[in-house]
Amino acid sequence: MRVSIADEIVYINSEDLPQYKKGGSVVRNSYFWALKSISCYCPRDKDWEYDREVWVALSRMLLAFSESRYLSYSETVLEFPQNTPIPETLRSVSTWL
């Protein structure tokens, strides 16, 4: 998932967020609700925001969904732009584009 960071807020690109689908995959819908539940701001069709207070939860949640192997690697890893420092708390679930 492509992300950016500004003022200690991580923004997940809206195009990379999971979609909720009625009658869809239980895992994908659970992933959607889990990401939404810890977001500090999640407007429809816009980037979702995660402040520093939830980065540990975000990291643990991404690891758990990644380890389940129901979702692909690209769906559970945060992709930061090149030359952007990755916060220590998120390093285990992050890479650079």
PDB file of N, CA and C in Angstrom:
ATOM      1  N   MET A   1       0.849  -1.165   0.000  1.00  0.00           N
ATOM      2  CA  MET A   1       0.000   0.000   0.000  1.00  0.00           C
ATOM      3  C   MET A   1       0.902   1.237   0.000  1.00  0.00           C
ATOM      4  N   ARG A   2       0.702   2.087  -0.960  1.00  0.00           N
ATOM      5  CA  ARG A   2       1.489   3.315  -1.020  1.00  0.00           C
ATOM      6  C   ARG A   2       1.071   4.250   0.110  1.00  0.00           C
ATOM      7  N   VAL A   3       2.066   4.793   0.779  1.00  0.00           N
ATOM      8  CA  VAL A   3       1.805   5.696   1.899  1.00  0.00           C
ATOM      9  C   VAL A   3       2.694   6.923   1.791  1.00  0.00           C
ATOM     10  N   SER A   4       2.298   7.938   2.515  1.00  0.00           N
ATOM     11  CA  SER A   4       3.125   9.124   2.694  1.00  0.00           C
ATOM     12  C   SER A   4       3.051   9.486   4.167  1.00  0.00           C
ATOM     13  N   ILE A   5       3.950  10.354   4.592  1.00  0.00           N
ATOM     14  CA  ILE A   5       3.961  10.757   5.996  1.00  0.00           C
ATOM     15  C   ILE A   5       4.211  12.263   6.068  1.00  0.00           C
ATOM     16  N   ALA A   6       3.452  12.918   6.918  1.00  0.00           N
ATOM     17  CA  ALA A   6       3.605  14.355   7.146  1.00  0.00           C
ATOM     18  C   ALA A   6       3.091  14.669   8.543  1.00  0.00           C
ATOM     19  N   ASP A   7       3.846  15.461   9.269  1.00  0.00           N
ATOM     20  CA  ASP A   7       3.444  15.869  10.626  1.00  0.00           C
ATOM     21  C   ASP A   7       3.065  14.684  11.509  1.00  0.00           C
ATOM     22  N   GLU A   8       3.851  13.611  11.397  1.00  0.00           N
ATOM     23  CA  GLU A   8       3.651  12.399  12.195  1.00  0.00           C
ATOM     24  C   GLU A   8       2.301  11.737  11.955  1.00  0.00           C
ATOM     25  N   ILE A   9       1.793  11.885  10.744  1.00  0.00           N
ATOM     26  CA  ILE A   9       0.577  11.190  10.327  1.00  0.00           C
ATOM     27  C   ILE A   9       0.909  10.404   9.062  1.00  0.00           C
ATOM     28  N   VAL A  10       0.581   9.117   9.077  1.00  0.00           N
ATOM     29  CA  VAL A  10       0.765   8.259   7.907  1.00  0.00           C
ATOM     30  C   VAL A  10      -0.535   8.277   7.107  1.00  0.00           C
ATOM     31  N   TYR A  11      -0.405   8.514   5.810  1.00  0.00           N
ATOM     32  CA  TYR A  11      -1.551   8.552   4.908  1.00  0.00           C
ATOM     33  C   TYR A  11      -1.467   7.347   3.971  1.00  0.00           C
ATOM     34  N   ILE A  12      -2.485   6.488   3.995  1.00  0.00           N
ATOM     35  CA  ILE A  12      -2.538   5.367   3.063  1.00  0.00           C
ATOM     36  C   ILE A  12      -3.322   5.818   1.837  1.00  0.00           C
ATOM     37  N   ASN A  13      -2.713   5.640   0.669  1.00  0.00           N
ATOM     38  CA  ASN A  13      -3.320   6.052  -0.584  1.00  0.00           C
ATOM     39  C   ASN A  13      -4.683   5.386  -0.761  1.00  0.00           C
ATOM     40  N   SER A  14      -5.678   6.177  -1.064  1.00  0.00           N
ATOM     41  CA  SER A  14      -7.054   5.671  -1.163  1.00  0.00           C
ATOM     42  C   SER A  14      -7.205   4.570  -2.213  1.00  0.00           C
ATOM     43  N   GLU A  15      -6.408   4.599  -3.260  1.00  0.00           N
ATOM     44  CA  GLU A  15      -6.491   3.582  -4.299  1.00  0.00           C
ATOM     45  C   GLU A  15      -6.001   2.218  -3.821  1.00  0.00           C
ATOM     46  N   ASP A  16      -5.202   2.200  -2.760  1.00  0.00           N
ATOM     47  CA  ASP A  16      -4.618   0.959  -2.260  1.00  0.00           C
ATOM     48  C   ASP A  16      -5.353   0.379  -1.058  1.00  0.00           C
ATOM     49  N   LEU A  17      -6.362   1.072  -0.579  1.00  0.00           N
ATOM     50  CA  LEU A  17      -7.113   0.588   0.578  1.00  0.00           C
ATOM     51  C   LEU A  17      -8.007  -0.584   0.191  1.00  0.00           C
ATOM     52  N   PRO A  18      -8.224  -1.522   1.113  1.00  0.00           N
ATOM     53  CA  PRO A  18      -9.146  -2.617   0.809  1.00  0.00           C
ATOM     54  C   PRO A  18     -10.561  -2.069   0.673  1.00  0.00           C
ATOM     55  N   GLN A  19     -11.355  -2.759  -0.120  1.00  0.00           N
ATOM     56  CA  GLN A  19     -12.739  -2.354  -0.322  1.00  0.00           C
ATOM     57  C   GLN A  19     -13.660  -3.286   0.441  1.00  0.00           C
ATOM     58  N   TYR A  20     -14.667  -2.721   1.069  1.00  0.00           N
ATOM     59  CA  TYR A  20     -15.689  -3.550   1.708  1.00  0.00           C
ATOM     60  C   TYR A  20     -16.680  -3.984   0.641  1.00  0.00           C
ATOM     61  N   LYS A  21     -16.967  -5.288   0.605  1.00  0.00           N
ATOM     62  CA  LYS A  21     -17.939  -5.800  -0.360  1.00  0.00           C
ATOM     63  C   LYS A  21     -18.931  -6.685   0.371  1.00  0.00           C
ATOM     64  N   LYS A  22     -20.184  -6.274   0.350  1.00  0.00           N
ATOM     65  CA  LYS A  22     -21.226  -7.083   0.979  1.00  0.00           C
ATOM     66  C   LYS A  22     -21.232  -8.462   0.320  1.00  0.00           C
ATOM     67  N   GLY A  23     -21.134  -9.477   1.139  1.00  0.00           N
ATOM     68  CA  GLY A  23     -21.069 -10.836   0.617  1.00  0.00           C
ATOM     69  C   GLY A  23     -19.699 -11.212   0.099  1.00  0.00           C
ATOM     70  N   GLY A  24     -18.715 -10.334   0.305  1.00  0.00           N
ATOM     71  CA  GLY A  24     -17.355 -10.594  -0.164  1.00  0.00           C
ATOM     72  C   GLY A  24     -16.583 -11.461   0.814  1.00  0.00           C
ATOM     73  N   SER A  25     -15.298 -11.565   0.564  1.00  0.00           N
ATOM     74  CA  SER A  25     -14.406 -12.363   1.398  1.00  0.00           C
ATOM     75  C   SER A  25     -14.439 -11.878   2.844  1.00  0.00           C
ATOM     76  N   VAL A  26     -14.596 -12.815   3.761  1.00  0.00           N
ATOM     77  CA  VAL A  26     -14.619 -12.475   5.189  1.00  0.00           C
ATOM     78  C   VAL A  26     -13.287 -11.852   5.600  1.00  0.00           C
ATOM     79  N   VAL A  27     -12.170 -12.383   5.098  1.00  0.00           N
ATOM     80  CA  VAL A  27     -10.853 -11.871   5.464  1.00  0.00           C
ATOM     81  C   VAL A  27     -10.685 -10.437   4.960  1.00  0.00           C
ATOM     82  N   ARG A  28     -11.016 -10.198   3.699  1.00  0.00           N
ATOM     83  CA  ARG A  28     -10.859  -8.841   3.140  1.00  0.00           C
ATOM     84  C   ARG A  28     -11.781  -7.842   3.839  1.00  0.00           C
ATOM     85  N   ASN A  29     -13.004  -8.248   4.120  1.00  0.00           N
ATOM     86  CA  ASN A  29     -13.908  -7.346   4.827  1.00  0.00           C
ATOM     87  C   ASN A  29     -13.433  -7.101   6.249  1.00  0.00           C
ATOM     88  N   SER A  30     -12.906  -8.108   6.918  1.00  0.00           N
ATOM     89  CA  SER A  30     -12.342  -7.934   8.261  1.00  0.00           C
ATOM     90  C   SER A  30     -11.140  -6.993   8.214  1.00  0.00           C
ATOM     91  N   TYR A  31     -10.320  -7.148   7.183  1.00  0.00           N
ATOM     92  CA  TYR A  31      -9.149  -6.281   7.000  1.00  0.00           C
ATOM     93  C   TYR A  31      -9.591  -4.827   6.817  1.00  0.00           C
ATOM     94  N   PHE A  32     -10.609  -4.622   5.995  1.00  0.00           N
ATOM     95  CA  PHE A  32     -11.167  -3.283   5.793  1.00  0.00           C
ATOM     96  C   PHE A  32     -11.588  -2.671   7.125  1.00  0.00           C
ATOM     97  N   TRP A  33     -12.391  -3.410   7.908  1.00  0.00           N
ATOM     98  CA  TRP A  33     -12.900  -2.879   9.172  1.00  0.00           C
ATOM     99  C   TRP A  33     -11.790  -2.678  10.191  1.00  0.00           C
ATOM    100  N   ALA A  34     -10.800  -3.548  10.196  1.00  0.00           N
ATOM    101  CA  ALA A  34      -9.684  -3.398  11.135  1.00  0.00           C
ATOM    102  C   ALA A  34      -8.895  -2.125  10.822  1.00  0.00           C
ATOM    103  N   LEU A  35      -8.574  -1.905   9.545  1.00  0.00           N
ATOM    104  CA  LEU A  35      -7.859  -0.679   9.163  1.00  0.00           C
ATOM    105  C   LEU A  35      -8.686   0.566   9.470  1.00  0.00           C
ATOM    106  N   LYS A  36      -9.964   0.484   9.177  1.00  0.00           N
ATOM    107  CA  LYS A  36     -10.848   1.626   9.425  1.00  0.00           C
ATOM    108  C   LYS A  36     -10.955   1.940  10.919  1.00  0.00           C
ATOM    109  N   SER A  37     -11.013   0.902  11.742  1.00  0.00           N
ATOM    110  CA  SER A  37     -11.244   1.099  13.175  1.00  0.00           C
ATOM    111  C   SER A  37     -10.103   1.819  13.890  1.00  0.00           C
ATOM    112  N   ILE A  38      -8.881   1.710  13.378  1.00  0.00           N
ATOM    113  CA  ILE A  38      -7.765   2.384  14.054  1.00  0.00           C
ATOM    114  C   ILE A  38      -7.351   3.673  13.352  1.00  0.00           C
ATOM    115  N   SER A  39      -8.001   3.994  12.262  1.00  0.00           N
ATOM    116  CA  SER A  39      -7.701   5.231  11.550  1.00  0.00           C
ATOM    117  C   SER A  39      -8.201   6.432  12.347  1.00  0.00           C
ATOM    118  N   CYS A  40      -7.421   7.505  12.331  1.00  0.00           N
ATOM    119  CA  CYS A  40      -7.895   8.710  13.020  1.00  0.00           C
ATOM    120  C   CYS A  40      -8.808   9.537  12.105  1.00  0.00           C
ATOM    121  N   TYR A  41      -8.757   9.267  10.790  1.00  0.00           N
ATOM    122  CA  TYR A  41      -9.638   9.943   9.842  1.00  0.00           C
ATOM    123  C   TYR A  41      -9.703   9.079   8.588  1.00  0.00           C
ATOM    124  N   CYS A  42     -10.908   8.685   8.185  1.00  0.00           N
ATOM    125  CA  CYS A  42     -11.044   7.782   7.032  1.00  0.00           C
ATOM    126  C   CYS A  42     -12.214   8.197   6.148  1.00  0.00           C
ATOM    127  N   PRO A  43     -12.047   9.307   5.418  1.00  0.00           N
ATOM    128  CA  PRO A  43     -13.126   9.758   4.543  1.00  0.00           C
ATOM    129  C   PRO A  43     -13.287   8.829   3.340  1.00  0.00           C
ATOM    130  N   ARG A  44     -14.482   8.769   2.833  1.00  0.00           N
ATOM    131  CA  ARG A  44     -14.769   7.933   1.665  1.00  0.00           C
ATOM    132  C   ARG A  44     -14.009   8.460   0.445  1.00  0.00           C
ATOM    133  N   ASP A  45     -13.351   7.563  -0.282  1.00  0.00           N
ATOM    134  CA  ASP A  45     -12.623   7.884  -1.521  1.00  0.00           C
ATOM    135  C   ASP A  45     -11.456   8.861  -1.327  1.00  0.00           C
ATOM    136  N   LYS A  46     -10.923   8.925  -0.118  1.00  0.00           N
ATOM    137  CA  LYS A  46      -9.743   9.763   0.150  1.00  0.00           C
ATOM    138  C   LYS A  46      -8.764   8.939   0.977  1.00  0.00           C
ATOM    139  N   ASP A  47      -7.541   9.450   1.105  1.00  0.00           N
ATOM    140  CA  ASP A  47      -6.523   8.754   1.894  1.00  0.00           C
ATOM    141  C   ASP A  47      -6.949   8.653   3.348  1.00  0.00           C
ATOM    142  N   TRP A  48      -6.653   7.500   3.956  1.00  0.00           N
ATOM    143  CA  TRP A  48      -6.931   7.319   5.376  1.00  0.00           C
ATOM    144  C   TRP A  48      -5.707   7.740   6.172  1.00  0.00           C
ATOM    145  N   GLU A  49      -5.951   8.301   7.365  1.00  0.00           N
ATOM    146  CA  GLU A  49      -4.881   8.854   8.192  1.00  0.00           C
ATOM    147  C   GLU A  49      -4.695   8.042   9.469  1.00  0.00           C
ATOM    148  N   TYR A  50      -3.418   7.864   9.823  1.00  0.00           N
ATOM    149  CA  TYR A  50      -3.055   7.125  11.036  1.00  0.00           C
ATOM    150  C   TYR A  50      -2.031   7.948  11.806  1.00  0.00           C
ATOM    151  N   ASP A  51      -2.416   8.406  13.003  1.00  0.00           N
ATOM    152  CA  ASP A  51      -1.486   9.204  13.795  1.00  0.00           C
ATOM    153  C   ASP A  51      -0.554   8.286  14.590  1.00  0.00           C
ATOM    154  N   ARG A  52       0.484   8.877  15.121  1.00  0.00           N
ATOM    155  CA  ARG A  52       1.542   8.137  15.808  1.00  0.00           C
ATOM    156  C   ARG A  52       1.003   7.215  16.908  1.00  0.00           C
ATOM    157  N   GLU A  53      -0.060   7.603  17.540  1.00  0.00           N
ATOM    158  CA  GLU A  53      -0.620   6.813  18.654  1.00  0.00           C
ATOM    159  C   GLU A  53      -1.063   5.419  18.241  1.00  0.00           C
ATOM    160  N   VAL A  54      -1.365   5.197  16.964  1.00  0.00           N
ATOM    161  CA  VAL A  54      -1.842   3.885  16.533  1.00  0.00           C
ATOM    162  C   VAL A  54      -0.837   3.119  15.675  1.00  0.00           C
ATOM    163  N   TRP A  55       0.362   3.643  15.514  1.00  0.00           N
ATOM    164  CA  TRP A  55       1.337   2.980  14.653  1.00  0.00           C
ATOM    165  C   TRP A  55       1.695   1.574  15.139  1.00  0.00           C
ATOM    166  N   VAL A  56       1.778   1.377  16.443  1.00  0.00           N
ATOM    167  CA  VAL A  56       2.068   0.034  16.960  1.00  0.00           C
ATOM    168  C   VAL A  56       0.923  -0.906  16.590  1.00  0.00           C
ATOM    169  N   ALA A  57      -0.306  -0.469  16.772  1.00  0.00           N
ATOM    170  CA  ALA A  57      -1.467  -1.290  16.412  1.00  0.00           C
ATOM    171  C   ALA A  57      -1.492  -1.557  14.908  1.00  0.00           C
ATOM    172  N   LEU A  58      -1.196  -0.551  14.109  1.00  0.00           N
ATOM    173  CA  LEU A  58      -1.168  -0.712  12.657  1.00  0.00           C
ATOM    174  C   LEU A  58      -0.117  -1.747  12.266  1.00  0.00           C
ATOM    175  N   SER A  59       1.048  -1.645  12.838  1.00  0.00           N
ATOM    176  CA  SER A  59       2.125  -2.589  12.551  1.00  0.00           C
ATOM    177  C   SER A  59       1.732  -4.016  12.926  1.00  0.00           C
ATOM    178  N   ARG A  60       1.201  -4.197  14.115  1.00  0.00           N
ATOM    179  CA  ARG A  60       0.797  -5.536  14.560  1.00  0.00           C
ATOM    180  C   ARG A  60      -0.317  -6.104  13.705  1.00  0.00           C
ATOM    181  N   MET A  61      -1.255  -5.259  13.326  1.00  0.00           N
ATOM    182  CA  MET A  61      -2.368  -5.716  12.511  1.00  0.00           C
ATOM    183  C   MET A  61      -1.882  -6.134  11.122  1.00  0.00           C
ATOM    184  N   LEU A  62      -1.005  -5.325  10.509  1.00  0.00           N
ATOM    185  CA  LEU A  62      -0.477  -5.673   9.190  1.00  0.00           C
ATOM    186  C   LEU A  62       0.316  -6.975   9.249  1.00  0.00           C
ATOM    187  N   LEU A  63       1.102  -7.162  10.301  1.00  0.00           N
ATOM    188  CA  LEU A  63       1.846  -8.414  10.463  1.00  0.00           C
ATOM    189  C   LEU A  63       0.906  -9.608  10.590  1.00  0.00           C
ATOM    190  N   ALA A  64      -0.131  -9.463  11.375  1.00  0.00           N
ATOM    191  CA  ALA A  64      -1.082 -10.564  11.578  1.00  0.00           C
ATOM    192  C   ALA A  64      -1.768 -10.950  10.269  1.00  0.00           C
ATOM    193  N   PHE A  65      -2.225  -9.961   9.512  1.00  0.00           N
ATOM    194  CA  PHE A  65      -2.886 -10.274   8.245  1.00  0.00           C
ATOM    195  C   PHE A  65      -1.892 -10.823   7.225  1.00  0.00           C
ATOM    196  N   SER A  66      -0.661 -10.337   7.265  1.00  0.00           N
ATOM    197  CA  SER A  66       0.377 -10.848   6.367  1.00  0.00           C
ATOM    198  C   SER A  66       0.692 -12.310   6.675  1.00  0.00           C
ATOM    199  N   GLU A  67       0.821 -12.624   7.950  1.00  0.00           N
ATOM    200  CA  GLU A  67       1.151 -13.983   8.359  1.00  0.00           C
ATOM    201  C   GLU A  67       0.021 -14.969   8.086  1.00  0.00           C
ATOM    202  N   SER A  68      -1.202 -14.477   7.977  1.00  0.00           N
ATOM    203  CA  SER A  68      -2.329 -15.365   7.678  1.00  0.00           C
ATOM    204  C   SER A  68      -2.236 -15.899   6.250  1.00  0.00           C
ATOM    205  N   ARG A  69      -1.544 -15.152   5.384  1.00  0.00           N
ATOM    206  CA  ARG A  69      -1.333 -15.515   3.975  1.00  0.00           C
ATOM    207  C   ARG A  69      -2.609 -15.529   3.135  1.00  0.00           C
ATOM    208  N   TYR A  70      -3.672 -14.935   3.654  1.00  0.00           N
ATOM    209  CA  TYR A  70      -4.886 -14.806   2.859  1.00  0.00           C
ATOM    210  C   TYR A  70      -4.798 -13.594   1.930  1.00  0.00           C
ATOM    211  N   LEU A  71      -3.951 -12.641   2.296  1.00  0.00           N
ATOM    212  CA  LEU A  71      -3.778 -11.430   1.514  1.00  0.00           C
ATOM    213  C   LEU A  71      -2.367 -11.402   0.942  1.00  0.00           C
ATOM    214  N   SER A  72      -2.190 -10.735  -0.184  1.00  0.00           N
ATOM    215  CA  SER A  72      -0.875 -10.671  -0.811  1.00  0.00           C
ATOM    216  C   SER A  72       0.046  -9.720  -0.047  1.00  0.00           C
ATOM    217  N   TYR A  73       1.321  -9.867  -0.289  1.00  0.00           N
ATOM    218  CA  TYR A  73       2.337  -9.024   0.352  1.00  0.00           C
ATOM    219  C   TYR A  73       2.061  -7.548   0.083  1.00  0.00           C
ATOM    220  N   SER A  74       1.731  -7.207  -1.148  1.00  0.00           N
ATOM    221  CA  SER A  74       1.511  -5.793  -1.500  1.00  0.00           C
ATOM    222  C   SER A  74       0.313  -5.181  -0.784  1.00  0.00           C
ATOM    223  N   GLU A  75      -0.604  -6.033  -0.319  1.00  0.00           N
ATOM    224  CA  GLU A  75      -1.778  -5.540   0.396  1.00  0.00           C
ATOM    225  C   GLU A  75      -1.505  -5.298   1.877  1.00  0.00           C
ATOM    226  N   THR A  76      -0.394  -5.830   2.378  1.00  0.00           N
ATOM    227  CA  THR A  76      -0.131  -5.749   3.822  1.00  0.00           C
ATOM    228  C   THR A  76       1.201  -5.092   4.148  1.00  0.00           C
ATOM    229  N   VAL A  77       1.828  -4.444   3.177  1.00  0.00           N
ATOM    230  CA  VAL A  77       3.082  -3.743   3.428  1.00  0.00           C
ATOM    231  C   VAL A  77       2.894  -2.265   3.088  1.00  0.00           C
ATOM    232  N   LEU A  78       3.512  -1.414   3.879  1.00  0.00           N
ATOM    233  CA  LEU A  78       3.451   0.033   3.638  1.00  0.00           C
ATOM    234  C   LEU A  78       4.615   0.416   2.735  1.00  0.00           C
ATOM    235  N   GLU A  79       4.333   1.051   1.620  1.00  0.00           N
ATOM    236  CA  GLU A  79       5.361   1.435   0.656  1.00  0.00           C
ATOM    237  C   GLU A  79       5.576   2.942   0.709  1.00  0.00           C
ATOM    238  N   PHE A  80       6.701   3.343   1.288  1.00  0.00           N
ATOM    239  CA  PHE A  80       7.041   4.757   1.414  1.00  0.00           C
ATOM    240  C   PHE A  80       7.801   5.228   0.181  1.00  0.00           C
ATOM    241  N   PRO A  81       7.676   6.518  -0.161  1.00  0.00           N
ATOM    242  CA  PRO A  81       8.466   7.059  -1.265  1.00  0.00           C
ATOM    243  C   PRO A  81       9.966   6.959  -0.939  1.00  0.00           C
ATOM    244  N   GLN A  82      10.781   6.833  -1.985  1.00  0.00           N
ATOM    245  CA  GLN A  82      12.232   6.804  -1.798  1.00  0.00           C
ATOM    246  C   GLN A  82      12.689   8.017  -0.985  1.00  0.00           C
ATOM    247  N   ASN A  83      13.736   7.850  -0.221  1.00  0.00           N
ATOM    248  CA  ASN A  83      14.345   8.916   0.584  1.00  0.00           C
ATOM    249  C   ASN A  83      13.441   9.436   1.691  1.00  0.00           C
ATOM    250  N   THR A  84      12.363   8.717   2.003  1.00  0.00           N
ATOM    251  CA  THR A  84      11.508   9.086   3.123  1.00  0.00           C
ATOM    252  C   THR A  84      11.899   8.212   4.309  1.00  0.00           C
ATOM    253  N   PRO A  85      12.280   8.822   5.420  1.00  0.00           N
ATOM    254  CA  PRO A  85      12.615   8.000   6.588  1.00  0.00           C
ATOM    255  C   PRO A  85      11.387   7.226   7.072  1.00  0.00           C
ATOM    256  N   ILE A  86      11.576   5.926   7.285  1.00  0.00           N
ATOM    257  CA  ILE A  86      10.491   5.090   7.789  1.00  0.00           C
ATOM    258  C   ILE A  86      10.576   5.078   9.309  1.00  0.00           C
ATOM    259  N   PRO A  87       9.491   5.426   9.994  1.00  0.00           N
ATOM    260  CA  PRO A  87       9.505   5.419  11.455  1.00  0.00           C
ATOM    261  C   PRO A  87       9.854   4.023  11.992  1.00  0.00           C
ATOM    262  N   GLU A  88      10.632   3.980  13.046  1.00  0.00           N
ATOM    263  CA  GLU A  88      11.076   2.726  13.651  1.00  0.00           C
ATOM    264  C   GLU A  88       9.901   1.784  13.923  1.00  0.00           C
ATOM    265  N   THR A  89       8.826   2.297  14.432  1.00  0.00           N
ATOM    266  CA  THR A  89       7.651   1.497  14.787  1.00  0.00           C
ATOM    267  C   THR A  89       7.071   0.760  13.587  1.00  0.00           C
ATOM    268  N   LEU A  90       7.233   1.307  12.382  1.00  0.00           N
ATOM    269  CA  LEU A  90       6.622   0.722  11.183  1.00  0.00           C
ATOM    270  C   LEU A  90       7.598  -0.029  10.292  1.00  0.00           C
ATOM    271  N   ARG A  91       8.866  -0.095  10.678  1.00  0.00           N
ATOM    272  CA  ARG A  91       9.872  -0.709   9.798  1.00  0.00           C
ATOM    273  C   ARG A  91       9.607  -2.168   9.467  1.00  0.00           C
ATOM    274  N   SER A  92       9.047  -2.915  10.388  1.00  0.00           N
ATOM    275  CA  SER A  92       8.830  -4.347  10.138  1.00  0.00           C
ATOM    276  C   SER A  92       7.745  -4.607   9.098  1.00  0.00           C
ATOM    277  N   VAL A  93       6.951  -3.611   8.781  1.00  0.00           N
ATOM    278  CA  VAL A  93       5.869  -3.778   7.804  1.00  0.00           C
ATOM    279  C   VAL A  93       5.970  -2.773   6.661  1.00  0.00           C
ATOM    280  N   SER A  94       7.193  -2.263   6.437  1.00  0.00           N
ATOM    281  CA  SER A  94       7.365  -1.193   5.442  1.00  0.00           C
ATOM    282  C   SER A  94       8.524  -1.470   4.503  1.00  0.00           C
ATOM    283  N   THR A  95       8.462  -0.790   3.372  1.00  0.00           N
ATOM    284  CA  THR A  95       9.538  -0.817   2.388  1.00  0.00           C
ATOM    285  C   THR A  95       9.501   0.522   1.639  1.00  0.00           C
ATOM    286  N   TRP A  96      10.431   0.708   0.715  1.00  0.00           N
ATOM    287  CA  TRP A  96      10.418   1.900  -0.129  1.00  0.00           C
ATOM    288  C   TRP A  96       9.961   1.513  -1.516  1.00  0.00           C
ATOM    289  N   LEU A  97       9.300   2.441  -2.199  1.00  0.00           N
ATOM    290  CA  LEU A  97       8.855   2.208  -3.581  1.00  0.00           C
ATOM    291  C   LEU A  97      10.060   2.132  -4.488  1.00  0.00           C
TER     292      LEU A  97
END
